[in-house]
């Protein structure tokens, strides 16, 4: 779920020899050519171009560039990779890869919520006292709210494969609601740990959205 991977062919129609991967929390990206690691580039140095001389004399260059800037701030950075000055087009991951990542995210959030239920001091099952926003936010952080979320996501994860699209959509709705509640709880409940959970949920939401898009995108089928 937290790992990213991009594959490239060095010649049109050729095999995917260049493999670049990194984790969300990792400090370096790993560059592999023909399965062998040729470099581990610190992510903080990616704004500068990194050039590699390949065995056939070709020059491979890797640099992270922003999609756009607002007031000098970079947004949506991506890897710009060239071979002898010509950009390489990466391969779009398959629907199965997106689905696997999304399902991994679902089980990750389910486990996090069940662990959250374990550390809550008061372990009682109860519905929200009212449907006002503050009470809903506080209930979502309680033992009952954490247990309900964790078990719902586990149930969706265990559904048969023919229900995958429906399960991913339901998980998207549940985790999006939790994400908004977690952010609100950072302000209302004054619990700093909820911001960390919200950040992880944001990553999972991205994976779920990408997986659901593949069902209507013929390029990833």
Protein backbone atom coordinates (compact mmCIF):
# COMPACT_ATOMS: atom_id res chain seq x y z
CA UNK A 1 0.00 0.00 0.00
CA UNK A 2 2.74 2.42 0.91
CA UNK A 3 5.14 1.22 -1.78
CA UNK A 4 5.44 2.81 -5.20
CA UNK A 5 6.99 1.19 -8.25
CA UNK A 6 7.64 2.32 -11.80
CA UNK A 7 8.89 0.14 -14.65
CA UNK A 8 10.54 1.32 -17.85
CA UNK A 9 11.77 -0.15 -21.12
CA UNK A 10 14.99 1.36 -22.43
CA UNK A 11 13.92 0.84 -26.04
CA UNK A 12 10.51 0.93 -27.67
CA UNK A 13 8.79 -2.42 -27.38
CA UNK A 14 11.62 -3.81 -25.26
CA UNK A 15 11.52 -5.58 -21.92
CA UNK A 16 11.00 -3.65 -18.68
CA UNK A 17 14.64 -3.49 -17.61
CA UNK A 18 14.54 -0.37 -15.43
CA UNK A 19 12.76 -0.73 -12.07
CA UNK A 20 12.41 2.22 -9.67
CA UNK A 21 10.75 1.70 -6.30
CA UNK A 22 10.32 3.50 -2.99
CA UNK A 23 8.20 3.41 0.14
CA UNK A 24 6.19 6.29 1.55
CA UNK A 25 8.31 6.38 4.71
CA UNK A 26 11.63 5.42 3.08
CA UNK A 27 14.38 8.02 2.77
CA UNK A 28 15.75 6.64 -0.53
CA UNK A 29 14.49 5.40 -3.87
CA UNK A 30 15.98 2.18 -5.24
CA UNK A 31 17.04 2.04 -8.88
CA UNK A 32 17.42 -1.41 -10.46
CA UNK A 33 18.57 -2.32 -13.93
CA UNK A 34 18.07 -5.91 -15.09
CA UNK A 35 17.30 -6.84 -11.49
CA UNK A 36 20.55 -5.42 -10.07
CA UNK A 37 20.56 -2.40 -7.76
CA UNK A 38 22.57 0.38 -9.40
CA UNK A 39 21.76 3.19 -6.98
CA UNK A 40 19.91 4.23 -3.84
CA UNK A 41 19.15 7.93 -4.19
CA UNK A 42 18.23 9.99 -1.08
CA UNK A 43 14.78 11.46 -1.68
CA UNK A 44 15.85 14.89 -0.45
CA UNK A 45 18.35 14.99 -3.33
CA UNK A 46 15.88 14.06 -6.07
CA UNK A 47 15.31 17.67 -7.08
CA UNK A 48 18.81 17.53 -8.58
CA UNK A 49 19.43 15.37 -11.67
CA UNK A 50 21.25 12.06 -11.12
CA UNK A 51 23.09 10.67 -14.14
CA UNK A 52 24.21 7.05 -14.66
CA UNK A 53 26.49 5.78 -17.42
CA UNK A 54 25.23 2.39 -18.58
CA UNK A 55 27.40 -0.44 -19.90
CA UNK A 56 26.51 0.34 -23.53
CA UNK A 57 27.54 3.98 -23.12
CA UNK A 58 23.99 5.33 -22.73
CA UNK A 59 23.33 8.08 -20.19
CA UNK A 60 20.38 7.57 -17.87
CA UNK A 61 19.14 10.61 -15.93
CA UNK A 62 16.63 10.65 -13.06
CA UNK A 63 15.16 13.78 -11.49
CA UNK A 64 12.02 14.63 -9.56
CA UNK A 65 10.13 17.60 -10.98
CA UNK A 66 6.81 19.21 -9.93
CA UNK A 67 3.69 19.02 -12.06
CA UNK A 68 3.09 22.70 -11.28
CA UNK A 69 4.03 25.43 -8.81
CA UNK A 70 1.95 27.87 -6.77
CA UNK A 71 3.77 30.80 -5.16
CA UNK A 72 7.01 28.94 -5.63
CA UNK A 73 5.77 25.78 -3.90
CA UNK A 74 5.97 22.50 -5.84
CA UNK A 75 2.93 20.24 -6.10
CA UNK A 76 2.43 16.66 -7.35
CA UNK A 77 6.09 15.83 -8.03
CA UNK A 78 6.90 12.99 -10.40
CA UNK A 79 10.04 11.27 -11.68
CA UNK A 80 11.32 12.59 -14.98
CA UNK A 81 13.57 9.93 -16.52
CA UNK A 82 15.54 10.30 -19.73
CA UNK A 83 17.89 8.07 -21.73
CA UNK A 84 20.37 10.02 -23.84
CA UNK A 85 18.16 13.07 -23.39
CA UNK A 86 14.95 11.34 -24.54
CA UNK A 87 12.18 10.84 -21.94
CA UNK A 88 11.16 7.30 -21.07
CA UNK A 89 7.48 6.43 -20.68
CA UNK A 90 6.68 4.36 -17.62
CA UNK A 91 4.32 1.41 -17.56
CA UNK A 92 0.89 1.82 -15.97
CA UNK A 93 0.41 -0.81 -13.24
CA UNK A 94 -2.22 -3.44 -13.94
CA UNK A 95 -5.66 -3.52 -12.33
CA UNK A 96 -4.52 -6.49 -10.24
CA UNK A 97 -1.63 -4.47 -8.79
CA UNK A 98 -3.93 -1.59 -7.88
CA UNK A 99 -6.45 -3.98 -6.36
CA UNK A 100 -3.79 -5.76 -4.29
CA UNK A 101 -2.52 -2.43 -2.97
CA UNK A 102 -6.04 -1.28 -2.09
CA UNK A 103 -6.88 -4.52 -0.28
CA UNK A 104 -3.63 -4.25 1.65
CA UNK A 105 -4.67 -0.75 2.70
CA UNK A 106 -8.06 -2.01 3.87
CA UNK A 107 -6.54 -4.62 6.16
CA UNK A 108 -3.99 -2.07 7.42
CA UNK A 109 -6.71 0.36 8.53
CA UNK A 110 -8.78 -2.48 10.00
CA UNK A 111 -5.84 -3.58 12.17
CA UNK A 112 -5.09 0.03 13.19
CA UNK A 113 -8.69 0.58 14.33
CA UNK A 114 -8.75 -2.69 16.28
CA UNK A 115 -5.47 -1.74 17.97
CA UNK A 116 -6.97 1.64 18.75
CA UNK A 117 -9.91 -0.13 20.44
CA UNK A 118 -7.49 -2.14 22.57
CA UNK A 119 -5.72 0.95 23.96
CA UNK A 120 -8.93 2.90 24.68
CA UNK A 121 -9.27 3.09 28.51
CA UNK A 122 -13.07 2.64 28.60
CA UNK A 123 -14.20 -0.49 26.77
CA UNK A 124 -17.98 -0.29 26.48
CA UNK A 125 -20.22 -0.83 23.47
CA UNK A 126 -22.59 2.06 22.85
CA UNK A 127 -24.16 4.03 20.05
CA UNK A 128 -23.54 7.78 19.69
CA UNK A 129 -25.54 9.71 22.31
CA UNK A 130 -26.81 11.98 19.53
CA UNK A 131 -26.22 12.62 15.85
CA UNK A 132 -24.53 15.97 16.41
CA UNK A 133 -21.13 16.32 14.79
CA UNK A 134 -19.05 16.56 17.98
CA UNK A 135 -20.69 13.48 19.49
CA UNK A 136 -20.10 11.53 16.27
CA UNK A 137 -16.43 12.52 16.24
CA UNK A 138 -15.97 11.45 19.86
CA UNK A 139 -17.85 8.16 19.27
CA UNK A 140 -15.65 7.39 16.27
CA UNK A 141 -12.63 7.57 18.59
CA UNK A 142 -14.26 5.41 21.26
CA UNK A 143 -14.05 1.66 21.75
CA UNK A 144 -17.37 1.15 19.95
CA UNK A 145 -16.43 3.30 16.97
CA UNK A 146 -13.01 1.71 16.53
CA UNK A 147 -14.38 -1.83 16.85
CA UNK A 148 -17.19 -1.12 14.38
CA UNK A 149 -14.83 0.34 11.78
CA UNK A 150 -12.25 -2.43 12.16
CA UNK A 151 -14.80 -5.25 11.90
CA UNK A 152 -16.58 -3.65 8.93
CA UNK A 153 -13.32 -3.36 6.99
CA UNK A 154 -12.34 -6.92 7.89
CA UNK A 155 -15.71 -8.12 6.63
CA UNK A 156 -15.27 -6.26 3.35
CA UNK A 157 -11.76 -7.68 2.98
CA UNK A 158 -13.11 -11.25 3.36
CA UNK A 159 -15.85 -10.87 0.75
CA UNK A 160 -15.55 -13.17 -2.31
CA UNK A 161 -13.67 -11.81 -5.31
CA UNK A 162 -16.82 -11.25 -7.36
CA UNK A 163 -17.77 -8.50 -4.88
CA UNK A 164 -14.39 -6.77 -5.04
CA UNK A 165 -15.61 -3.57 -6.70
CA UNK A 166 -18.47 -3.16 -4.22
CA UNK A 167 -16.12 -3.91 -1.31
CA UNK A 168 -13.60 -1.33 -2.48
CA UNK A 169 -16.32 1.29 -2.92
CA UNK A 170 -17.76 0.60 0.55
CA UNK A 171 -14.27 0.74 2.06
CA UNK A 172 -13.65 4.06 0.31
CA UNK A 173 -16.78 5.55 1.87
CA UNK A 174 -15.98 4.18 5.36
CA UNK A 175 -12.34 5.27 5.35
CA UNK A 176 -13.19 8.69 3.88
CA UNK A 177 -15.64 9.24 6.75
CA UNK A 178 -13.01 8.14 9.25
CA UNK A 179 -10.43 10.38 7.59
CA UNK A 180 -12.66 13.44 8.03
CA UNK A 181 -13.47 12.47 11.62
CA UNK A 182 -9.79 11.93 12.44
CA UNK A 183 -8.90 15.40 11.14
CA UNK A 184 -11.77 16.91 13.12
CA UNK A 185 -10.71 15.04 16.24
CA UNK A 186 -7.25 16.58 16.01
CA UNK A 187 -8.97 19.90 16.73
CA UNK A 188 -11.94 18.82 18.85
CA UNK A 189 -10.55 15.94 20.94
CA UNK A 190 -7.01 17.31 21.11
CA UNK A 191 -5.51 13.91 20.30
CA UNK A 192 -2.32 14.37 18.21
CA UNK A 193 -2.15 10.65 17.31
CA UNK A 194 -5.27 11.01 15.18
CA UNK A 195 -3.31 13.11 12.69
CA UNK A 196 -0.95 10.17 12.09
CA UNK A 197 -3.90 7.82 11.54
CA UNK A 198 -5.47 10.35 9.17
CA UNK A 199 -2.25 10.50 7.14
CA UNK A 200 -2.26 6.70 6.74
CA UNK A 201 -5.95 6.76 5.82
CA UNK A 202 -5.17 9.39 3.17
CA UNK A 203 -2.69 6.99 1.56
CA UNK A 204 -5.21 4.17 1.62
CA UNK A 205 -7.87 6.42 0.08
CA UNK A 206 -5.50 7.09 -2.81
CA UNK A 207 -4.98 3.36 -3.33
CA UNK A 208 -8.72 2.68 -3.23
CA UNK A 209 -9.45 5.47 -5.70
CA UNK A 210 -6.77 4.20 -8.11
CA UNK A 211 -8.12 0.65 -7.87
CA UNK A 212 -11.70 1.74 -8.55
CA UNK A 213 -10.60 3.80 -11.55
CA UNK A 214 -9.14 0.70 -13.22
CA UNK A 215 -12.63 -0.81 -13.55
CA UNK A 216 -13.50 1.88 -16.10
CA UNK A 217 -10.02 2.43 -17.56
CA UNK A 218 -9.19 0.04 -20.44
CA UNK A 219 -5.47 0.91 -20.29
CA UNK A 220 -5.06 -0.93 -16.99
CA UNK A 221 -7.04 -4.05 -17.84
